[in-house]
Amino acid sequence: MRACLLLRAALLLVLGILALIFNAAAANYPCSGSKGSVSHCSGELFVCNDGSISGSKKVCTGPQGGGGGAVRSTA
């Protein structure tokens, strides 16, 4: 009985840590959430699919025009 409780506690701890890791990874990507991801670059700035400019401090090194292309960023 005690082993079962310890196993459940360990499983909940691991799941909680994984949830925090995935949440942190999503928060560090430009134009995440309601902005709809990155559309394209305007110089070194990220332009989001909703038309706004990302507040990211990363530098956009992807396509300079049009949308839908792959966008890389450097910290």
C-alpha atoms as a PDB file:
ATOM      1  CA  MET A   1       0.000   0.000   0.000  1.00  0.00           C
ATOM      2  CA  ARG A   2       2.773   2.428   0.943  1.00  0.00           C
ATOM      3  CA  ALA A   3       4.737   1.534  -2.195  1.00  0.00           C
ATOM      4  CA  CYS A   4       1.690   2.339  -4.320  1.00  0.00           C
ATOM      5  CA  LEU A   5       1.397   5.782  -2.722  1.00  0.00           C
ATOM      6  CA  LEU A   6       5.093   6.476  -3.276  1.00  0.00           C
ATOM      7  CA  LEU A   7       4.789   5.400  -6.907  1.00  0.00           C
ATOM      8  CA  ARG A   8       1.810   7.722  -7.438  1.00  0.00           C
ATOM      9  CA  ALA A   9       3.639  10.627  -5.799  1.00  0.00           C
ATOM     10  CA  ALA A  10       6.702  10.051  -7.985  1.00  0.00           C
ATOM     11  CA  LEU A  11       4.557   9.882 -11.116  1.00  0.00           C
ATOM     12  CA  LEU A  12       2.788  13.134 -10.238  1.00  0.00           C
ATOM     13  CA  LEU A  13       6.130  14.822  -9.597  1.00  0.00           C
ATOM     14  CA  VAL A  14       7.523  13.713 -12.967  1.00  0.00           C
ATOM     15  CA  LEU A  15       4.367  14.836 -14.793  1.00  0.00           C
ATOM     16  CA  GLY A  16       4.491  18.215 -13.051  1.00  0.00           C
ATOM     17  CA  ILE A  17       8.126  18.750 -14.029  1.00  0.00           C
ATOM     18  CA  LEU A  18       7.388  17.805 -17.657  1.00  0.00           C
ATOM     19  CA  ALA A  19       4.465  20.239 -17.763  1.00  0.00           C
ATOM     20  CA  LEU A  20       6.713  23.063 -16.546  1.00  0.00           C
ATOM     21  CA  ILE A  21       9.384  22.240 -19.134  1.00  0.00           C
ATOM     22  CA  PHE A  22       6.914  22.229 -22.029  1.00  0.00           C
ATOM     23  CA  ASN A  23       5.299  25.456 -20.816  1.00  0.00           C
ATOM     24  CA  ALA A  24       8.683  27.200 -20.638  1.00  0.00           C
ATOM     25  CA  ALA A  25       9.589  26.056 -24.149  1.00  0.00           C
ATOM     26  CA  ALA A  26       6.359  27.481 -25.604  1.00  0.00           C
ATOM     27  CA  ALA A  27       6.817  30.794 -23.836  1.00  0.00           C
ATOM     28  CA  ASN A  28      10.265  31.297 -25.369  1.00  0.00           C
ATOM     29  CA  TYR A  29       9.127  31.121 -28.992  1.00  0.00           C
ATOM     30  CA  PRO A  30       8.345  34.415 -30.788  1.00  0.00           C
ATOM     31  CA  CYS A  31       4.675  35.004 -31.673  1.00  0.00           C
ATOM     32  CA  SER A  32       3.449  32.091 -29.553  1.00  0.00           C
ATOM     33  CA  GLY A  33      -0.091  31.831 -28.268  1.00  0.00           C
ATOM     34  CA  SER A  34      -2.833  34.001 -29.755  1.00  0.00           C
ATOM     35  CA  LYS A  35      -0.433  35.705 -32.189  1.00  0.00           C
ATOM     36  CA  GLY A  36      -0.567  32.633 -34.446  1.00  0.00           C
ATOM     37  CA  SER A  37       3.185  31.939 -34.828  1.00  0.00           C
ATOM     38  CA  VAL A  38       5.755  33.698 -37.022  1.00  0.00           C
ATOM     39  CA  SER A  39       4.727  34.859 -40.493  1.00  0.00           C
ATOM     40  CA  HIS A  40       7.995  36.374 -41.717  1.00  0.00           C
ATOM     41  CA  CYS A  41      10.856  38.727 -40.828  1.00  0.00           C
ATOM     42  CA  SER A  42      11.043  42.485 -41.123  1.00  0.00           C
ATOM     43  CA  GLY A  43      14.749  43.086 -40.826  1.00  0.00           C
ATOM     44  CA  GLU A  44      15.715  41.467 -37.526  1.00  0.00           C
ATOM     45  CA  LEU A  45      12.141  41.580 -36.148  1.00  0.00           C
ATOM     46  CA  PHE A  46       9.574  38.780 -36.158  1.00  0.00           C
ATOM     47  CA  VAL A  47       6.229  39.603 -37.797  1.00  0.00           C
ATOM     48  CA  CYS A  48       3.420  37.480 -36.350  1.00  0.00           C
ATOM     49  CA  ASN A  49       0.561  35.969 -38.376  1.00  0.00           C
ATOM     50  CA  ASP A  50      -1.819  38.491 -36.776  1.00  0.00           C
ATOM     51  CA  GLY A  51       0.280  41.333 -38.261  1.00  0.00           C
ATOM     52  CA  SER A  52       1.894  42.491 -35.017  1.00  0.00           C
ATOM     53  CA  ILE A  53       5.627  42.705 -34.328  1.00  0.00           C
ATOM     54  CA  SER A  54       6.922  40.271 -31.709  1.00  0.00           C
ATOM     55  CA  GLY A  55       8.484  41.649 -28.547  1.00  0.00           C
ATOM     56  CA  SER A  56      11.097  38.892 -28.685  1.00  0.00           C
ATOM     57  CA  LYS A  57      14.714  39.815 -28.056  1.00  0.00           C
ATOM     58  CA  LYS A  58      15.803  37.091 -30.477  1.00  0.00           C
ATOM     59  CA  VAL A  59      16.996  38.001 -33.973  1.00  0.00           C
ATOM     60  CA  CYS A  60      14.958  36.810 -36.957  1.00  0.00           C
ATOM     61  CA  THR A  61      17.193  35.274 -39.623  1.00  0.00           C
ATOM     62  CA  GLY A  62      14.536  33.649 -41.817  1.00  0.00           C
ATOM     63  CA  PRO A  63      12.825  34.788 -45.021  1.00  0.00           C
ATOM     64  CA  GLN A  64      12.471  38.546 -45.390  1.00  0.00           C
ATOM     65  CA  GLY A  65       9.170  38.576 -47.234  1.00  0.00           C
ATOM     66  CA  GLY A  66       5.985  36.525 -47.570  1.00  0.00           C
ATOM     67  CA  GLY A  67       4.641  34.134 -45.023  1.00  0.00           C
ATOM     68  CA  GLY A  68       4.759  30.476 -44.277  1.00  0.00           C
ATOM     69  CA  GLY A  69       8.505  30.000 -44.561  1.00  0.00           C
ATOM     70  CA  ALA A  70      10.666  28.410 -41.930  1.00  0.00           C
ATOM     71  CA  VAL A  71      12.037  30.932 -39.476  1.00  0.00           C
ATOM     72  CA  ARG A  72      15.160  30.396 -37.434  1.00  0.00           C
ATOM     73  CA  SER A  73      16.130  32.529 -34.494  1.00  0.00           C
ATOM     74  CA  THR A  74      19.365  33.069 -32.650  1.00  0.00           C
ATOM     75  CA  ALA A  75      19.526  34.077 -29.028  1.00  0.00           C
END
